[in-house]
Amino acid sequence: MGQGERPAVLIVTVEVAEEDVDELNRWYEEEHGPEKLSLPGYLTMRRYRAADGSPTFLAIYELDHPDVAAVEAEGGTEMSGWMKAVMAKWKRWDRGVWTELAPAGDAGSR
């Protein structure tokens, strides 16, 4: 099994001002989360708030394979007005796709 065929996670971190937290949470719960989980290849989404430090928020999406997130990164989904408004308030954010490692000894583990 090659890297592109292995399960993956999409990790997104976001930093927002405290006054924007409620709107961010509402957007994730009402629009973004349901939208992502309706797409083929998106299996689960879990969100976290930092106990201390920053970035403040972390979202972890489990994916069938890493190519699922590549479509979005290449502009495969259109941004809603709400998404644009929420993202405009992000002070900082980062996004990365991580592929599950193969078991030791598997030729695809590199």
N, C-alpha and C. Protein backbone atom coordinates (compact mmCIF):
# COMPACT_ATOMS: atom_id res chain seq x y z
N MET A 1 0.85 -1.18 0.00
CA MET A 1 0.00 0.00 0.00
C MET A 1 0.89 1.24 0.00
N GLY A 2 0.75 2.11 -1.00
CA GLY A 2 1.54 3.32 -1.09
C GLY A 2 1.05 4.40 -0.15
N GLN A 3 1.85 5.45 0.01
CA GLN A 3 1.49 6.55 0.91
C GLN A 3 0.14 7.16 0.54
N GLY A 4 -0.14 7.32 -0.76
CA GLY A 4 -1.38 7.92 -1.20
C GLY A 4 -2.61 7.07 -0.92
N GLU A 5 -2.40 5.79 -0.62
CA GLU A 5 -3.50 4.88 -0.34
C GLU A 5 -3.73 4.69 1.16
N ARG A 6 -2.85 5.21 1.98
CA ARG A 6 -2.97 5.04 3.43
C ARG A 6 -3.93 6.06 4.03
N PRO A 7 -4.54 5.71 5.16
CA PRO A 7 -5.37 6.70 5.86
C PRO A 7 -4.53 7.93 6.22
N ALA A 8 -5.21 9.05 6.36
CA ALA A 8 -4.50 10.30 6.65
C ALA A 8 -5.34 11.15 7.60
N VAL A 9 -4.73 12.20 8.11
CA VAL A 9 -5.44 13.21 8.88
C VAL A 9 -5.11 14.58 8.32
N LEU A 10 -6.08 15.44 8.33
CA LEU A 10 -5.91 16.84 8.00
C LEU A 10 -5.93 17.58 9.33
N ILE A 11 -4.87 18.32 9.61
CA ILE A 11 -4.74 19.06 10.86
C ILE A 11 -4.84 20.55 10.55
N VAL A 12 -5.74 21.24 11.23
CA VAL A 12 -5.89 22.69 11.04
C VAL A 12 -5.82 23.35 12.41
N THR A 13 -4.97 24.36 12.52
CA THR A 13 -4.89 25.15 13.75
C THR A 13 -5.31 26.58 13.43
N VAL A 14 -6.01 27.19 14.38
CA VAL A 14 -6.56 28.53 14.17
C VAL A 14 -6.39 29.34 15.45
N GLU A 15 -6.03 30.60 15.26
CA GLU A 15 -5.93 31.56 16.36
C GLU A 15 -6.91 32.69 16.06
N VAL A 16 -7.83 32.94 16.99
CA VAL A 16 -8.79 34.03 16.85
C VAL A 16 -8.85 34.83 18.14
N ALA A 17 -9.33 36.06 18.05
CA ALA A 17 -9.55 36.89 19.23
C ALA A 17 -10.69 36.27 20.04
N GLU A 18 -10.67 36.46 21.33
CA GLU A 18 -11.68 35.88 22.22
C GLU A 18 -13.09 36.30 21.81
N GLU A 19 -13.26 37.53 21.33
CA GLU A 19 -14.60 37.99 20.94
C GLU A 19 -15.13 37.30 19.68
N ASP A 20 -14.26 36.57 18.97
CA ASP A 20 -14.67 35.86 17.76
C ASP A 20 -14.85 34.36 17.96
N VAL A 21 -14.64 33.89 19.17
CA VAL A 21 -14.71 32.45 19.46
C VAL A 21 -16.10 31.88 19.25
N ASP A 22 -17.13 32.55 19.73
CA ASP A 22 -18.49 32.02 19.59
C ASP A 22 -18.88 31.86 18.12
N GLU A 23 -18.53 32.84 17.30
CA GLU A 23 -18.86 32.77 15.87
C GLU A 23 -18.09 31.64 15.20
N LEU A 24 -16.81 31.49 15.56
CA LEU A 24 -16.01 30.38 15.01
C LEU A 24 -16.66 29.04 15.35
N ASN A 25 -17.03 28.86 16.61
CA ASN A 25 -17.64 27.60 17.03
C ASN A 25 -18.98 27.35 16.34
N ARG A 26 -19.79 28.39 16.22
CA ARG A 26 -21.07 28.25 15.53
C ARG A 26 -20.87 27.84 14.07
N TRP A 27 -19.90 28.48 13.41
CA TRP A 27 -19.62 28.16 12.01
C TRP A 27 -19.17 26.71 11.86
N TYR A 28 -18.26 26.26 12.74
CA TYR A 28 -17.81 24.86 12.67
C TYR A 28 -18.97 23.90 12.87
N GLU A 29 -19.82 24.17 13.86
CA GLU A 29 -20.91 23.26 14.21
C GLU A 29 -22.05 23.27 13.20
N GLU A 30 -22.38 24.45 12.67
CA GLU A 30 -23.56 24.57 11.81
C GLU A 30 -23.27 24.44 10.32
N GLU A 31 -22.08 24.86 9.89
CA GLU A 31 -21.80 24.83 8.46
C GLU A 31 -20.60 23.97 8.10
N HIS A 32 -19.45 24.32 8.62
CA HIS A 32 -18.21 23.71 8.15
C HIS A 32 -18.12 22.20 8.46
N GLY A 33 -18.37 21.83 9.69
CA GLY A 33 -18.30 20.41 10.06
C GLY A 33 -19.24 19.55 9.24
N PRO A 34 -20.54 19.88 9.21
CA PRO A 34 -21.47 19.08 8.40
C PRO A 34 -21.09 19.05 6.92
N GLU A 35 -20.60 20.19 6.40
CA GLU A 35 -20.20 20.23 4.99
C GLU A 35 -19.05 19.27 4.73
N LYS A 36 -18.01 19.33 5.56
CA LYS A 36 -16.84 18.46 5.35
C LYS A 36 -17.22 17.00 5.48
N LEU A 37 -18.00 16.67 6.50
CA LEU A 37 -18.34 15.27 6.73
C LEU A 37 -19.30 14.70 5.70
N SER A 38 -19.88 15.56 4.86
CA SER A 38 -20.73 15.08 3.77
C SER A 38 -19.91 14.76 2.52
N LEU A 39 -18.64 15.18 2.51
CA LEU A 39 -17.78 14.94 1.35
C LEU A 39 -17.21 13.52 1.37
N PRO A 40 -17.07 12.90 0.21
CA PRO A 40 -16.45 11.57 0.15
C PRO A 40 -15.03 11.62 0.71
N GLY A 41 -14.71 10.66 1.56
CA GLY A 41 -13.35 10.55 2.09
C GLY A 41 -13.14 11.22 3.43
N TYR A 42 -14.01 12.12 3.86
CA TYR A 42 -13.93 12.72 5.19
C TYR A 42 -14.68 11.81 6.15
N LEU A 43 -13.99 11.23 7.12
CA LEU A 43 -14.60 10.24 8.00
C LEU A 43 -15.08 10.82 9.31
N THR A 44 -14.24 11.61 9.97
CA THR A 44 -14.59 12.21 11.25
C THR A 44 -13.93 13.58 11.38
N MET A 45 -14.45 14.37 12.31
CA MET A 45 -13.83 15.64 12.66
C MET A 45 -13.90 15.78 14.17
N ARG A 46 -12.76 16.14 14.77
CA ARG A 46 -12.71 16.40 16.20
C ARG A 46 -12.04 17.74 16.40
N ARG A 47 -12.56 18.53 17.35
CA ARG A 47 -12.01 19.85 17.61
C ARG A 47 -11.55 19.95 19.06
N TYR A 48 -10.53 20.77 19.25
CA TYR A 48 -9.94 20.96 20.56
C TYR A 48 -9.64 22.44 20.80
N ARG A 49 -9.65 22.84 22.06
CA ARG A 49 -9.20 24.16 22.46
C ARG A 49 -7.96 23.96 23.31
N ALA A 50 -6.93 24.78 23.08
CA ALA A 50 -5.68 24.65 23.83
C ALA A 50 -5.91 24.89 25.31
N ALA A 51 -5.28 24.07 26.13
CA ALA A 51 -5.33 24.26 27.58
C ALA A 51 -4.50 25.49 27.96
N ASP A 52 -3.48 25.77 27.15
CA ASP A 52 -2.66 26.96 27.34
C ASP A 52 -1.92 27.26 26.04
N GLY A 53 -1.48 28.47 25.88
CA GLY A 53 -0.70 28.84 24.70
C GLY A 53 -1.54 29.00 23.45
N SER A 54 -0.85 29.06 22.33
CA SER A 54 -1.53 29.22 21.06
C SER A 54 -0.84 28.34 20.02
N PRO A 55 -1.50 27.98 18.94
CA PRO A 55 -2.81 28.46 18.53
C PRO A 55 -3.91 27.96 19.47
N THR A 56 -5.01 28.65 19.45
CA THR A 56 -6.10 28.36 20.38
C THR A 56 -6.90 27.13 20.01
N PHE A 57 -7.15 26.93 18.72
CA PHE A 57 -8.03 25.84 18.29
C PHE A 57 -7.32 24.88 17.33
N LEU A 58 -7.72 23.62 17.44
CA LEU A 58 -7.17 22.55 16.62
C LEU A 58 -8.35 21.73 16.10
N ALA A 59 -8.34 21.43 14.81
CA ALA A 59 -9.33 20.53 14.22
C ALA A 59 -8.57 19.38 13.56
N ILE A 60 -9.05 18.16 13.80
CA ILE A 60 -8.45 16.98 13.21
C ILE A 60 -9.53 16.25 12.42
N TYR A 61 -9.29 16.12 11.13
CA TYR A 61 -10.21 15.42 10.24
C TYR A 61 -9.55 14.10 9.86
N GLU A 62 -10.24 12.99 10.08
CA GLU A 62 -9.73 11.70 9.60
C GLU A 62 -10.19 11.54 8.15
N LEU A 63 -9.24 11.12 7.30
CA LEU A 63 -9.50 10.98 5.87
C LEU A 63 -9.23 9.56 5.39
N ASP A 64 -9.95 9.14 4.35
CA ASP A 64 -9.68 7.84 3.73
C ASP A 64 -8.26 7.77 3.21
N HIS A 65 -7.81 8.87 2.60
CA HIS A 65 -6.46 8.96 2.02
C HIS A 65 -6.12 10.44 1.86
N PRO A 66 -4.84 10.79 1.72
CA PRO A 66 -4.44 12.20 1.68
C PRO A 66 -4.98 12.99 0.49
N ASP A 67 -5.26 12.33 -0.61
CA ASP A 67 -5.75 13.04 -1.79
C ASP A 67 -7.10 13.72 -1.55
N VAL A 68 -7.84 13.25 -0.57
CA VAL A 68 -9.13 13.86 -0.23
C VAL A 68 -8.94 15.35 0.09
N ALA A 69 -7.92 15.68 0.85
CA ALA A 69 -7.66 17.07 1.25
C ALA A 69 -7.03 17.88 0.12
N ALA A 70 -6.39 17.22 -0.82
CA ALA A 70 -5.74 17.94 -1.92
C ALA A 70 -6.76 18.65 -2.80
N VAL A 71 -7.93 18.09 -2.97
CA VAL A 71 -8.98 18.70 -3.79
C VAL A 71 -9.36 20.05 -3.20
N GLU A 72 -9.52 20.10 -1.88
CA GLU A 72 -9.88 21.34 -1.20
C GLU A 72 -8.76 22.37 -1.31
N ALA A 73 -7.53 21.94 -1.14
CA ALA A 73 -6.39 22.85 -1.20
C ALA A 73 -6.24 23.48 -2.59
N GLU A 74 -6.70 22.78 -3.60
CA GLU A 74 -6.60 23.28 -4.98
C GLU A 74 -7.84 24.07 -5.37
N GLY A 75 -8.66 24.43 -4.39
CA GLY A 75 -9.84 25.24 -4.69
C GLY A 75 -11.03 24.43 -5.16
N GLY A 76 -11.10 23.17 -4.75
CA GLY A 76 -12.17 22.29 -5.19
C GLY A 76 -13.51 22.57 -4.54
N THR A 77 -13.55 23.36 -3.49
CA THR A 77 -14.81 23.71 -2.86
C THR A 77 -14.93 25.23 -2.81
N GLU A 78 -16.13 25.72 -3.01
CA GLU A 78 -16.37 27.16 -3.00
C GLU A 78 -16.62 27.64 -1.58
N MET A 79 -16.06 28.78 -1.23
CA MET A 79 -16.23 29.34 0.11
C MET A 79 -17.56 30.08 0.21
N SER A 80 -18.29 29.81 1.29
CA SER A 80 -19.54 30.53 1.53
C SER A 80 -19.21 31.93 2.06
N GLY A 81 -20.20 32.79 2.07
CA GLY A 81 -20.02 34.12 2.64
C GLY A 81 -19.68 34.05 4.12
N TRP A 82 -20.31 33.11 4.82
CA TRP A 82 -20.05 32.94 6.25
C TRP A 82 -18.61 32.49 6.46
N MET A 83 -18.16 31.55 5.65
CA MET A 83 -16.77 31.07 5.77
C MET A 83 -15.79 32.22 5.55
N LYS A 84 -16.03 33.03 4.53
CA LYS A 84 -15.14 34.17 4.26
C LYS A 84 -15.11 35.13 5.44
N ALA A 85 -16.28 35.40 6.03
CA ALA A 85 -16.36 36.32 7.17
C ALA A 85 -15.63 35.77 8.39
N VAL A 86 -15.80 34.48 8.65
CA VAL A 86 -15.14 33.85 9.80
C VAL A 86 -13.63 33.83 9.59
N MET A 87 -13.20 33.40 8.42
CA MET A 87 -11.76 33.30 8.15
C MET A 87 -11.07 34.67 8.13
N ALA A 88 -11.80 35.72 7.79
CA ALA A 88 -11.22 37.07 7.78
C ALA A 88 -10.79 37.50 9.19
N LYS A 89 -11.36 36.87 10.20
CA LYS A 89 -11.04 37.22 11.59
C LYS A 89 -9.93 36.34 12.18
N TRP A 90 -9.45 35.38 11.42
CA TRP A 90 -8.39 34.52 11.92
C TRP A 90 -7.08 35.32 11.96
N LYS A 91 -6.45 35.32 13.13
CA LYS A 91 -5.18 36.00 13.30
C LYS A 91 -4.06 35.20 12.65
N ARG A 92 -4.18 33.90 12.76
CA ARG A 92 -3.16 32.98 12.24
C ARG A 92 -3.80 31.62 12.07
N TRP A 93 -3.35 30.89 11.04
CA TRP A 93 -3.84 29.53 10.89
C TRP A 93 -2.82 28.72 10.10
N ASP A 94 -2.95 27.41 10.21
CA ASP A 94 -2.05 26.51 9.50
C ASP A 94 -2.83 25.26 9.15
N ARG A 95 -2.40 24.60 8.10
CA ARG A 95 -3.09 23.40 7.60
C ARG A 95 -2.04 22.43 7.11
N GLY A 96 -2.18 21.17 7.47
CA GLY A 96 -1.26 20.15 7.00
C GLY A 96 -1.94 18.79 6.94
N VAL A 97 -1.48 17.98 6.00
CA VAL A 97 -2.01 16.63 5.84
C VAL A 97 -0.93 15.65 6.27
N TRP A 98 -1.30 14.70 7.09
CA TRP A 98 -0.39 13.70 7.64
C TRP A 98 -0.87 12.32 7.22
N THR A 99 0.04 11.51 6.70
CA THR A 99 -0.30 10.16 6.24
C THR A 99 0.15 9.14 7.28
N GLU A 100 -0.72 8.18 7.53
CA GLU A 100 -0.40 7.12 8.50
C GLU A 100 0.81 6.32 8.02
N LEU A 101 1.70 6.04 8.94
CA LEU A 101 2.87 5.24 8.63
C LEU A 101 2.50 3.78 8.48
N ALA A 102 3.21 3.10 7.62
CA ALA A 102 3.00 1.66 7.44
C ALA A 102 3.64 0.93 8.61
N PRO A 103 3.16 -0.26 8.92
CA PRO A 103 3.80 -1.06 9.95
C PRO A 103 5.29 -1.32 9.59
N ALA A 104 6.11 -1.48 10.60
CA ALA A 104 7.54 -1.76 10.38
C ALA A 104 7.69 -2.96 9.45
N GLY A 105 8.58 -2.82 8.50
CA GLY A 105 8.83 -3.92 7.57
C GLY A 105 8.00 -3.84 6.31
N ASP A 106 6.96 -3.02 6.30
CA ASP A 106 6.14 -2.84 5.10
C ASP A 106 6.92 -1.97 4.12
N ALA A 107 6.99 -2.35 2.88
CA ALA A 107 7.75 -1.62 1.88
C ALA A 107 7.26 -0.19 1.70
N GLY A 108 6.00 0.10 2.02
CA GLY A 108 5.46 1.44 1.85
C GLY A 108 5.64 2.31 3.06
N SER A 109 6.47 1.93 4.04
CA SER A 109 6.57 2.66 5.28
C SER A 109 7.43 3.91 5.19
N ARG A 110 8.02 4.18 4.06
CA ARG A 110 8.89 5.34 3.94
C ARG A 110 8.18 6.53 3.40
